[in-house]
């Protein structure tokens, strides 16, 4: 649902000049199949060894991983972060677009 909303309202990211990347522990092949099936306009990255998960502190007891969104500036510095454990609670593209606009 979260990534589909990003796909469906991708113009919010385009207008902000943002690069959108999604990452999860599933393998590259499963990502490629899913991205093609869903028509995603952004890359799905594989963190099969969960190095990124560990670096960003996203492991969670019981649920495994925290759903998260990070906004980085052009220098790669995290300027905003949202982390939650329930997949249905996420920041909508329009909200993220407004936050990105403040970073310019």
PDB file of N, CA and C in Angstrom:
ATOM      1  N   UNK A   1       0.813  -1.189   0.000  1.00  0.00           N
ATOM      2  CA  UNK A   1       0.000   0.000   0.000  1.00  0.00           C
ATOM      3  C   UNK A   1       0.867   1.268   0.000  1.00  0.00           C
ATOM      4  N   UNK A   2       1.902   1.307   0.840  1.00  0.00           N
ATOM      5  CA  UNK A   2       2.762   2.484   0.916  1.00  0.00           C
ATOM      6  C   UNK A   2       3.460   2.749  -0.410  1.00  0.00           C
ATOM      7  N   UNK A   3       4.117   1.746  -0.958  1.00  0.00           N
ATOM      8  CA  UNK A   3       4.831   1.952  -2.217  1.00  0.00           C
ATOM      9  C   UNK A   3       3.875   2.196  -3.375  1.00  0.00           C
ATOM     10  N   UNK A   4       2.718   1.589  -3.319  1.00  0.00           N
ATOM     11  CA  UNK A   4       1.728   1.842  -4.376  1.00  0.00           C
ATOM     12  C   UNK A   4       1.254   3.296  -4.332  1.00  0.00           C
ATOM     13  N   UNK A   5       1.109   3.855  -3.131  1.00  0.00           N
ATOM     14  CA  UNK A   5       0.708   5.266  -3.042  1.00  0.00           C
ATOM     15  C   UNK A   5       1.814   6.160  -3.581  1.00  0.00           C
ATOM     16  N   UNK A   6       3.062   5.769  -3.377  1.00  0.00           N
ATOM     17  CA  UNK A   6       4.179   6.553  -3.914  1.00  0.00           C
ATOM     18  C   UNK A   6       4.190   6.476  -5.441  1.00  0.00           C
ATOM     19  N   UNK A   7       3.875   5.310  -5.962  1.00  0.00           N
ATOM     20  CA  UNK A   7       3.771   5.146  -7.412  1.00  0.00           C
ATOM     21  C   UNK A   7       2.625   5.994  -7.962  1.00  0.00           C
ATOM     22  N   UNK A   8       1.483   5.926  -7.311  1.00  0.00           N
ATOM     23  CA  UNK A   8       0.287   6.594  -7.809  1.00  0.00           C
ATOM     24  C   UNK A   8       0.366   8.119  -7.718  1.00  0.00           C
ATOM     25  N   UNK A   9       1.136   8.630  -6.782  1.00  0.00           N
ATOM     26  CA  UNK A   9       1.272  10.081  -6.615  1.00  0.00           C
ATOM     27  C   UNK A   9       2.736  10.489  -6.788  1.00  0.00           C
ATOM     28  N   UNK A  10       3.385   9.875  -7.769  1.00  0.00           N
ATOM     29  CA  UNK A  10       4.813  10.097  -7.978  1.00  0.00           C
ATOM     30  C   UNK A  10       5.137  11.545  -8.351  1.00  0.00           C
ATOM     31  N   UNK A  11       4.172  12.252  -8.880  1.00  0.00           N
ATOM     32  CA  UNK A  11       4.418  13.651  -9.261  1.00  0.00           C
ATOM     33  C   UNK A  11       4.824  14.500  -8.060  1.00  0.00           C
ATOM     34  N   UNK A  12       4.377  14.142  -6.861  1.00  0.00           N
ATOM     35  CA  UNK A  12       4.788  14.884  -5.658  1.00  0.00           C
ATOM     36  C   UNK A  12       6.304  14.827  -5.485  1.00  0.00           C
ATOM     37  N   UNK A  13       6.891  13.698  -5.818  1.00  0.00           N
ATOM     38  CA  UNK A  13       8.347  13.546  -5.709  1.00  0.00           C
ATOM     39  C   UNK A  13       9.054  14.206  -6.891  1.00  0.00           C
ATOM     40  N   UNK A  14       8.486  14.041  -8.075  1.00  0.00           N
ATOM     41  CA  UNK A  14       9.072  14.660  -9.266  1.00  0.00           C
ATOM     42  C   UNK A  14       9.101  16.178  -9.133  1.00  0.00           C
ATOM     43  N   UNK A  15       8.027  16.761  -8.651  1.00  0.00           N
ATOM     44  CA  UNK A  15       7.965  18.212  -8.489  1.00  0.00           C
ATOM     45  C   UNK A  15       9.002  18.711  -7.490  1.00  0.00           C
ATOM     46  N   UNK A  16       9.335  17.874  -6.512  1.00  0.00           N
ATOM     47  CA  UNK A  16      10.343  18.241  -5.519  1.00  0.00           C
ATOM     48  C   UNK A  16      11.759  17.942  -6.001  1.00  0.00           C
ATOM     49  N   UNK A  17      11.879  17.299  -7.178  1.00  0.00           N
ATOM     50  CA  UNK A  17      13.196  16.940  -7.702  1.00  0.00           C
ATOM     51  C   UNK A  17      13.861  15.827  -6.907  1.00  0.00           C
ATOM     52  N   UNK A  18      13.053  14.983  -6.289  1.00  0.00           N
ATOM     53  CA  UNK A  18      13.572  13.930  -5.414  1.00  0.00           C
ATOM     54  C   UNK A  18      13.886  12.653  -6.178  1.00  0.00           C
ATOM     55  N   UNK A  19      14.849  11.912  -5.667  1.00  0.00           N
ATOM     56  CA  UNK A  19      15.144  10.561  -6.116  1.00  0.00           C
ATOM     57  C   UNK A  19      14.531   9.639  -5.073  1.00  0.00           C
ATOM     58  N   UNK A  20      13.687   8.722  -5.505  1.00  0.00           N
ATOM     59  CA  UNK A  20      13.007   7.806  -4.591  1.00  0.00           C
ATOM     60  C   UNK A  20      13.648   6.432  -4.717  1.00  0.00           C
ATOM     61  N   UNK A  21      14.019   5.866  -3.575  1.00  0.00           N
ATOM     62  CA  UNK A  21      14.561   4.514  -3.508  1.00  0.00           C
ATOM     63  C   UNK A  21      13.816   3.765  -2.416  1.00  0.00           C
ATOM     64  N   UNK A  22      13.497   2.527  -2.652  1.00  0.00           N
ATOM     65  CA  UNK A  22      12.894   1.673  -1.632  1.00  0.00           C
ATOM     66  C   UNK A  22      13.881   0.545  -1.353  1.00  0.00           C
ATOM     67  N   UNK A  23      13.916   0.106  -0.116  1.00  0.00           N
ATOM     68  CA  UNK A  23      14.857  -0.959   0.242  1.00  0.00           C
ATOM     69  C   UNK A  23      14.196  -1.907   1.233  1.00  0.00           C
ATOM     70  N   UNK A  24      14.473  -3.190   1.057  1.00  0.00           N
ATOM     71  CA  UNK A  24      13.980  -4.208   1.982  1.00  0.00           C
ATOM     72  C   UNK A  24      14.896  -5.427   1.895  1.00  0.00           C
ATOM     73  N   UNK A  25      14.742  -6.361   2.825  1.00  0.00           N
ATOM     74  CA  UNK A  25      15.619  -7.543   2.844  1.00  0.00           C
ATOM     75  C   UNK A  25      15.340  -8.592   1.773  1.00  0.00           C
ATOM     76  N   UNK A  26      14.256  -8.461   1.011  1.00  0.00           N
ATOM     77  CA  UNK A  26      13.988  -9.448  -0.030  1.00  0.00           C
ATOM     78  C   UNK A  26      15.069  -9.378  -1.111  1.00  0.00           C
ATOM     79  N   UNK A  27      15.212 -10.455  -1.862  1.00  0.00           N
ATOM     80  CA  UNK A  27      16.279 -10.522  -2.857  1.00  0.00           C
ATOM     81  C   UNK A  27      15.960  -9.710  -4.117  1.00  0.00           C
ATOM     82  N   UNK A  28      16.977  -9.497  -4.931  1.00  0.00           N
ATOM     83  CA  UNK A  28      16.873  -8.682  -6.134  1.00  0.00           C
ATOM     84  C   UNK A  28      15.844  -9.245  -7.107  1.00  0.00           C
ATOM     85  N   UNK A  29      15.832 -10.560  -7.291  1.00  0.00           N
ATOM     86  CA  UNK A  29      14.882 -11.157  -8.233  1.00  0.00           C
ATOM     87  C   UNK A  29      13.437 -10.908  -7.830  1.00  0.00           C
ATOM     88  N   UNK A  30      13.140 -11.054  -6.539  1.00  0.00           N
ATOM     89  CA  UNK A  30      11.759 -10.818  -6.104  1.00  0.00           C
ATOM     90  C   UNK A  30      11.392  -9.353  -6.276  1.00  0.00           C
ATOM     91  N   UNK A  31      12.331  -8.454  -6.045  1.00  0.00           N
ATOM     92  CA  UNK A  31      12.082  -7.025  -6.252  1.00  0.00           C
ATOM     93  C   UNK A  31      11.818  -6.722  -7.720  1.00  0.00           C
ATOM     94  N   UNK A  32      12.613  -7.301  -8.593  1.00  0.00           N
ATOM     95  CA  UNK A  32      12.459  -7.046 -10.028  1.00  0.00           C
ATOM     96  C   UNK A  32      11.079  -7.496 -10.505  1.00  0.00           C
ATOM     97  N   UNK A  33      10.663  -8.678 -10.072  1.00  0.00           N
ATOM     98  CA  UNK A  33       9.340  -9.182 -10.463  1.00  0.00           C
ATOM     99  C   UNK A  33       8.230  -8.280  -9.934  1.00  0.00           C
ATOM    100  N   UNK A  34       8.334  -7.895  -8.679  1.00  0.00           N
ATOM    101  CA  UNK A  34       7.302  -7.073  -8.059  1.00  0.00           C
ATOM    102  C   UNK A  34       7.262  -5.675  -8.677  1.00  0.00           C
ATOM    103  N   UNK A  35       8.429  -5.078  -8.914  1.00  0.00           N
ATOM    104  CA  UNK A  35       8.487  -3.737  -9.519  1.00  0.00           C
ATOM    105  C   UNK A  35       7.851  -3.740 -10.903  1.00  0.00           C
ATOM    106  N   UNK A  36       8.115  -4.783 -11.674  1.00  0.00           N
ATOM    107  CA  UNK A  36       7.527  -4.876 -13.013  1.00  0.00           C
ATOM    108  C   UNK A  36       6.009  -5.052 -12.919  1.00  0.00           C
ATOM    109  N   UNK A  37       5.586  -5.926 -12.028  1.00  0.00           N
ATOM    110  CA  UNK A  37       4.156  -6.188 -11.845  1.00  0.00           C
ATOM    111  C   UNK A  37       3.417  -4.916 -11.399  1.00  0.00           C
ATOM    112  N   UNK A  38       4.023  -4.140 -10.509  1.00  0.00           N
ATOM    113  CA  UNK A  38       3.362  -2.962  -9.941  1.00  0.00           C
ATOM    114  C   UNK A  38       3.602  -1.678 -10.728  1.00  0.00           C
ATOM    115  N   UNK A  39       4.567  -1.693 -11.636  1.00  0.00           N
ATOM    116  CA  UNK A  39       4.853  -0.504 -12.430  1.00  0.00           C
ATOM    117  C   UNK A  39       5.507   0.620 -11.642  1.00  0.00           C
ATOM    118  N   UNK A  40       6.394   0.260 -10.729  1.00  0.00           N
ATOM    119  CA  UNK A  40       7.084   1.275  -9.931  1.00  0.00           C
ATOM    120  C   UNK A  40       8.042   2.076 -10.798  1.00  0.00           C
ATOM    121  N   UNK A  41       8.105   3.382 -10.556  1.00  0.00           N
ATOM    122  CA  UNK A  41       9.006   4.274 -11.295  1.00  0.00           C
ATOM    123  C   UNK A  41      10.288   4.535 -10.520  1.00  0.00           C
ATOM    124  N   UNK A  42      10.489   3.822  -9.442  1.00  0.00           N
ATOM    125  CA  UNK A  42      11.661   4.025  -8.592  1.00  0.00           C
ATOM    126  C   UNK A  42      12.316   2.674  -8.322  1.00  0.00           C
ATOM    127  N   UNK A  43      13.572   2.730  -7.927  1.00  0.00           N
ATOM    128  CA  UNK A  43      14.346   1.505  -7.706  1.00  0.00           C
ATOM    129  C   UNK A  43      13.967   0.841  -6.383  1.00  0.00           C
ATOM    130  N   UNK A  44      13.924  -0.488  -6.423  1.00  0.00           N
ATOM    131  CA  UNK A  44      13.764  -1.286  -5.209  1.00  0.00           C
ATOM    132  C   UNK A  44      15.115  -1.945  -4.928  1.00  0.00           C
ATOM    133  N   UNK A  45      15.712  -1.575  -3.832  1.00  0.00           N
ATOM    134  CA  UNK A  45      17.030  -2.090  -3.482  1.00  0.00           C
ATOM    135  C   UNK A  45      16.914  -3.256  -2.508  1.00  0.00           C
ATOM    136  N   UNK A  46      17.842  -4.210  -2.616  1.00  0.00           N
ATOM    137  CA  UNK A  46      17.827  -5.402  -1.764  1.00  0.00           C
ATOM    138  C   UNK A  46      18.898  -5.293  -0.681  1.00  0.00           C
ATOM    139  N   UNK A  47      18.489  -5.470   0.550  1.00  0.00           N
ATOM    140  CA  UNK A  47      19.391  -5.466   1.706  1.00  0.00           C
ATOM    141  C   UNK A  47      19.334  -6.850   2.348  1.00  0.00           C
ATOM    142  N   UNK A  48      19.679  -7.872   1.562  1.00  0.00           N
ATOM    143  CA  UNK A  48      19.507  -9.257   2.016  1.00  0.00           C
ATOM    144  C   UNK A  48      20.333  -9.582   3.254  1.00  0.00           C
ATOM    145  N   UNK A  49      21.461  -8.929   3.430  1.00  0.00           N
ATOM    146  CA  UNK A  49      22.283  -9.156   4.622  1.00  0.00           C
ATOM    147  C   UNK A  49      21.900  -8.228   5.777  1.00  0.00           C
ATOM    148  N   UNK A  50      20.944  -7.361   5.534  1.00  0.00           N
ATOM    149  CA  UNK A  50      20.397  -6.411   6.506  1.00  0.00           C
ATOM    150  C   UNK A  50      21.447  -5.477   7.116  1.00  0.00           C
ATOM    151  N   UNK A  51      22.428  -5.092   6.305  1.00  0.00           N
ATOM    152  CA  UNK A  51      23.425  -4.124   6.759  1.00  0.00           C
ATOM    153  C   UNK A  51      22.815  -2.736   6.901  1.00  0.00           C
ATOM    154  N   UNK A  52      22.002  -2.346   5.935  1.00  0.00           N
ATOM    155  CA  UNK A  52      21.356  -1.028   5.988  1.00  0.00           C
ATOM    156  C   UNK A  52      20.368  -0.988   7.144  1.00  0.00           C
ATOM    157  N   UNK A  53      19.609  -2.048   7.304  1.00  0.00           N
ATOM    158  CA  UNK A  53      18.664  -2.149   8.413  1.00  0.00           C
ATOM    159  C   UNK A  53      19.387  -1.916   9.743  1.00  0.00           C
ATOM    160  N   UNK A  54      20.524  -2.554   9.912  1.00  0.00           N
ATOM    161  CA  UNK A  54      21.290  -2.408  11.154  1.00  0.00           C
ATOM    162  C   UNK A  54      21.844  -0.990  11.312  1.00  0.00           C
ATOM    163  N   UNK A  55      22.397  -0.437  10.242  1.00  0.00           N
ATOM    164  CA  UNK A  55      22.978   0.912  10.304  1.00  0.00           C
ATOM    165  C   UNK A  55      21.955   1.981  10.670  1.00  0.00           C
ATOM    166  N   UNK A  56      20.735   1.815  10.188  1.00  0.00           N
ATOM    167  CA  UNK A  56      19.687   2.798  10.459  1.00  0.00           C
ATOM    168  C   UNK A  56      18.847   2.447  11.685  1.00  0.00           C
ATOM    169  N   UNK A  57      19.177   1.352  12.367  1.00  0.00           N
ATOM    170  CA  UNK A  57      18.468   0.967  13.585  1.00  0.00           C
ATOM    171  C   UNK A  57      17.007   0.622  13.361  1.00  0.00           C
ATOM    172  N   UNK A  58      16.740  -0.204  12.350  1.00  0.00           N
ATOM    173  CA  UNK A  58      15.353  -0.465  11.965  1.00  0.00           C
ATOM    174  C   UNK A  58      14.816  -1.824  12.384  1.00  0.00           C
ATOM    175  N   UNK A  59      15.600  -2.597  13.114  1.00  0.00           N
ATOM    176  CA  UNK A  59      15.079  -3.881  13.573  1.00  0.00           C
ATOM    177  C   UNK A  59      14.083  -3.646  14.705  1.00  0.00           C
ATOM    178  N   UNK A  60      13.076  -4.480  14.759  1.00  0.00           N
ATOM    179  CA  UNK A  60      12.040  -4.349  15.775  1.00  0.00           C
ATOM    180  C   UNK A  60      11.644  -5.732  16.275  1.00  0.00           C
ATOM    181  N   UNK A  61      11.511  -5.884  17.577  1.00  0.00           N
ATOM    182  CA  UNK A  61      11.069  -7.168  18.102  1.00  0.00           C
ATOM    183  C   UNK A  61       9.664  -7.496  17.588  1.00  0.00           C
ATOM    184  N   UNK A  62       9.401  -8.737  17.404  1.00  0.00           N
ATOM    185  CA  UNK A  62       8.120  -9.299  16.965  1.00  0.00           C
ATOM    186  C   UNK A  62       7.850  -9.018  15.480  1.00  0.00           C
ATOM    187  N   UNK A  63       7.811  -7.747  15.046  1.00  0.00           N
ATOM    188  CA  UNK A  63       7.474  -7.436  13.654  1.00  0.00           C
ATOM    189  C   UNK A  63       8.666  -7.548  12.717  1.00  0.00           C
ATOM    190  N   UNK A  64       9.876  -7.588  13.251  1.00  0.00           N
ATOM    191  CA  UNK A  64      11.083  -7.753  12.432  1.00  0.00           C
ATOM    192  C   UNK A  64      11.721  -6.460  12.006  1.00  0.00           C
ATOM    193  N   UNK A  65      10.991  -5.649  11.239  1.00  0.00           N
ATOM    194  CA  UNK A  65      11.536  -4.387  10.743  1.00  0.00           C
ATOM    195  C   UNK A  65      10.541  -3.257  10.954  1.00  0.00           C
ATOM    196  N   UNK A  66      11.083  -2.079  11.165  1.00  0.00           N
ATOM    197  CA  UNK A  66      10.240  -0.889  11.256  1.00  0.00           C
ATOM    198  C   UNK A  66      10.080  -0.277   9.874  1.00  0.00           C
ATOM    199  N   UNK A  67       8.851   0.048   9.502  1.00  0.00           N
ATOM    200  CA  UNK A  67       8.613   0.774   8.256  1.00  0.00           C
ATOM    201  C   UNK A  67       9.150   2.180   8.449  1.00  0.00           C
ATOM    202  N   UNK A  68       9.930   2.648   7.499  1.00  0.00           N
ATOM    203  CA  UNK A  68      10.597   3.930   7.683  1.00  0.00           C
ATOM    204  C   UNK A  68      10.687   4.711   6.394  1.00  0.00           C
ATOM    205  N   UNK A  69      10.774   6.018   6.542  1.00  0.00           N
ATOM    206  CA  UNK A  69      11.001   6.925   5.430  1.00  0.00           C
ATOM    207  C   UNK A  69      12.090   7.884   5.864  1.00  0.00           C
ATOM    208  N   UNK A  70      13.075   8.064   5.005  1.00  0.00           N
ATOM    209  CA  UNK A  70      14.162   8.996   5.270  1.00  0.00           C
ATOM    210  C   UNK A  70      14.233  10.004   4.140  1.00  0.00           C
ATOM    211  N   UNK A  71      14.413  11.264   4.485  1.00  0.00           N
ATOM    212  CA  UNK A  71      14.652  12.302   3.488  1.00  0.00           C
ATOM    213  C   UNK A  71      16.078  12.784   3.682  1.00  0.00           C
ATOM    214  N   UNK A  72      16.872  12.638   2.637  1.00  0.00           N
ATOM    215  CA  UNK A  72      18.269  13.048   2.678  1.00  0.00           C
ATOM    216  C   UNK A  72      18.465  14.255   1.773  1.00  0.00           C
ATOM    217  N   UNK A  73      19.387  15.126   2.183  1.00  0.00           N
ATOM    218  CA  UNK A  73      19.684  16.273   1.329  1.00  0.00           C
ATOM    219  C   UNK A  73      20.658  15.847   0.233  1.00  0.00           C
ATOM    220  N   UNK A  74      21.066  16.776  -0.589  1.00  0.00           N
ATOM    221  CA  UNK A  74      21.934  16.448  -1.724  1.00  0.00           C
ATOM    222  C   UNK A  74      23.327  16.015  -1.290  1.00  0.00           C
ATOM    223  N   UNK A  75      23.660  16.212  -0.015  1.00  0.00           N
ATOM    224  CA  UNK A  75      24.943  15.744   0.517  1.00  0.00           C
ATOM    225  C   UNK A  75      24.831  14.380   1.175  1.00  0.00           C
ATOM    226  N   UNK A  76      23.629  13.788   1.135  1.00  0.00           N
ATOM    227  CA  UNK A  76      23.432  12.467   1.727  1.00  0.00           C
ATOM    228  C   UNK A  76      23.191  12.493   3.223  1.00  0.00           C
ATOM    229  N   UNK A  77      22.919  13.660   3.778  1.00  0.00           N
ATOM    230  CA  UNK A  77      22.677  13.795   5.214  1.00  0.00           C
ATOM    231  C   UNK A  77      21.179  13.660   5.480  1.00  0.00           C
ATOM    232  N   UNK A  78      20.826  12.801   6.437  1.00  0.00           N
ATOM    233  CA  UNK A  78      19.421  12.619   6.788  1.00  0.00           C
ATOM    234  C   UNK A  78      18.905  13.913   7.413  1.00  0.00           C
ATOM    235  N   UNK A  79      17.886  14.497   6.780  1.00  0.00           N
ATOM    236  CA  UNK A  79      17.278  15.730   7.271  1.00  0.00           C
ATOM    237  C   UNK A  79      15.946  15.483   7.966  1.00  0.00           C
ATOM    238  N   UNK A  80      15.326  14.344   7.687  1.00  0.00           N
ATOM    239  CA  UNK A  80      14.033  14.010   8.283  1.00  0.00           C
ATOM    240  C   UNK A  80      13.873  12.504   8.250  1.00  0.00           C
ATOM    241  N   UNK A  81      13.219  11.985   9.275  1.00  0.00           N
ATOM    242  CA  UNK A  81      13.030  10.536   9.354  1.00  0.00           C
ATOM    243  C   UNK A  81      11.708  10.237  10.025  1.00  0.00           C
ATOM    244  N   UNK A  82      11.047   9.220   9.532  1.00  0.00           N
ATOM    245  CA  UNK A  82       9.831   8.704  10.159  1.00  0.00           C
ATOM    246  C   UNK A  82       9.993   7.200  10.274  1.00  0.00           C
ATOM    247  N   UNK A  83       9.744   6.667  11.459  1.00  0.00           N
ATOM    248  CA  UNK A  83       9.856   5.235  11.679  1.00  0.00           C
ATOM    249  C   UNK A  83       8.630   4.757  12.444  1.00  0.00           C
ATOM    250  N   UNK A  84       8.027   3.709  11.956  1.00  0.00           N
ATOM    251  CA  UNK A  84       6.866   3.127  12.628  1.00  0.00           C
ATOM    252  C   UNK A  84       6.884   1.624  12.499  1.00  0.00           C
ATOM    253  N   UNK A  85       6.049   0.952  13.266  1.00  0.00           N
ATOM    254  CA  UNK A  85       6.017  -0.507  13.211  1.00  0.00           C
ATOM    255  C   UNK A  85       4.803  -1.037  12.479  1.00  0.00           C
ATOM    256  N   UNK A  86       3.844  -0.180  12.184  1.00  0.00           N
ATOM    257  CA  UNK A  86       2.640  -0.626  11.506  1.00  0.00           C
ATOM    258  C   UNK A  86       2.684  -0.131  10.066  1.00  0.00           C
ATOM    259  N   UNK A  87       2.622  -1.053   9.118  1.00  0.00           N
ATOM    260  CA  UNK A  87       2.738  -0.700   7.706  1.00  0.00           C
ATOM    261  C   UNK A  87       1.675   0.248   7.204  1.00  0.00           C
ATOM    262  N   UNK A  88       0.497   0.233   7.817  1.00  0.00           N
ATOM    263  CA  UNK A  88      -0.590   1.083   7.343  1.00  0.00           C
ATOM    264  C   UNK A  88      -0.384   2.544   7.739  1.00  0.00           C
ATOM    265  N   UNK A  89       0.534   2.807   8.652  1.00  0.00           N
ATOM    266  CA  UNK A  89       0.788   4.177   9.091  1.00  0.00           C
ATOM    267  C   UNK A  89       2.036   4.662   8.365  1.00  0.00           C
ATOM    268  N   UNK A  90       1.823   5.515   7.372  1.00  0.00           N
ATOM    269  CA  UNK A  90       2.960   6.032   6.625  1.00  0.00           C
ATOM    270  C   UNK A  90       2.660   7.439   6.166  1.00  0.00           C
ATOM    271  N   UNK A  91       3.699   8.132   5.761  1.00  0.00           N
ATOM    272  CA  UNK A  91       3.553   9.514   5.318  1.00  0.00           C
ATOM    273  C   UNK A  91       3.180   9.537   3.842  1.00  0.00           C
ATOM    274  N   UNK A  92       2.154  10.257   3.528  1.00  0.00           N
ATOM    275  CA  UNK A  92       1.639  10.360   2.162  1.00  0.00           C
ATOM    276  C   UNK A  92       2.590  11.173   1.284  1.00  0.00           C
ATOM    277  N   UNK A  93       2.596  10.902  -0.018  1.00  0.00           N
ATOM    278  CA  UNK A  93       3.493  11.605  -0.938  1.00  0.00           C
ATOM    279  C   UNK A  93       3.369  13.128  -0.882  1.00  0.00           C
ATOM    280  N   UNK A  94       2.167  13.654  -0.773  1.00  0.00           N
ATOM    281  CA  UNK A  94       2.000  15.113  -0.726  1.00  0.00           C
ATOM    282  C   UNK A  94       2.708  15.701   0.491  1.00  0.00           C
ATOM    283  N   UNK A  95       2.599  15.027   1.624  1.00  0.00           N
ATOM    284  CA  UNK A  95       3.279  15.482   2.859  1.00  0.00           C
ATOM    285  C   UNK A  95       4.792  15.434   2.665  1.00  0.00           C
ATOM    286  N   UNK A  96       5.285  14.352   2.090  1.00  0.00           N
ATOM    287  CA  UNK A  96       6.727  14.231   1.857  1.00  0.00           C
ATOM    288  C   UNK A  96       7.200  15.280   0.862  1.00  0.00           C
ATOM    289  N   UNK A  97       6.396  15.554  -0.153  1.00  0.00           N
ATOM    290  CA  UNK A  97       6.735  16.594  -1.123  1.00  0.00           C
ATOM    291  C   UNK A  97       6.879  17.951  -0.456  1.00  0.00           C
ATOM    292  N   UNK A  98       5.975  18.266   0.482  1.00  0.00           N
ATOM    293  CA  UNK A  98       6.072  19.541   1.209  1.00  0.00           C
ATOM    294  C   UNK A  98       7.336  19.587   2.059  1.00  0.00           C
ATOM    295  N   UNK A  99       7.663  18.476   2.707  1.00  0.00           N
ATOM    296  CA  UNK A  99       8.885  18.423   3.509  1.00  0.00           C
ATOM    297  C   UNK A  99      10.123  18.581   2.621  1.00  0.00           C
ATOM    298  N   UNK A 100      10.113  17.933   1.477  1.00  0.00           N
ATOM    299  CA  UNK A 100      11.241  18.050   0.549  1.00  0.00           C
ATOM    300  C   UNK A 100      11.406  19.501   0.074  1.00  0.00           C
ATOM    301  N   UNK A 101      10.310  20.181  -0.153  1.00  0.00           N
ATOM    302  CA  UNK A 101      10.371  21.571  -0.605  1.00  0.00           C
ATOM    303  C   UNK A 101      11.049  22.470   0.421  1.00  0.00           C
ATOM    304  N   UNK A 102      10.922  22.146   1.692  1.00  0.00           N
ATOM    305  CA  UNK A 102      11.560  22.956   2.741  1.00  0.00           C
ATOM    306  C   UNK A 102      13.059  22.704   2.811  1.00  0.00           C
ATOM    307  N   UNK A 103      13.510  21.609   2.224  1.00  0.00           N
ATOM    308  CA  UNK A 103      14.931  21.273   2.252  1.00  0.00           C
ATOM    309  C   UNK A 103      15.719  21.984   1.159  1.00  0.00           C
ATOM    310  N   UNK A 104      15.040  22.530   0.158  1.00  0.00           N
ATOM    311  CA  UNK A 104      15.715  23.164  -0.982  1.00  0.00           C
ATOM    312  C   UNK A 104      16.400  24.441  -0.583  1.00  0.00           C
TER     313      UNK A 104
END
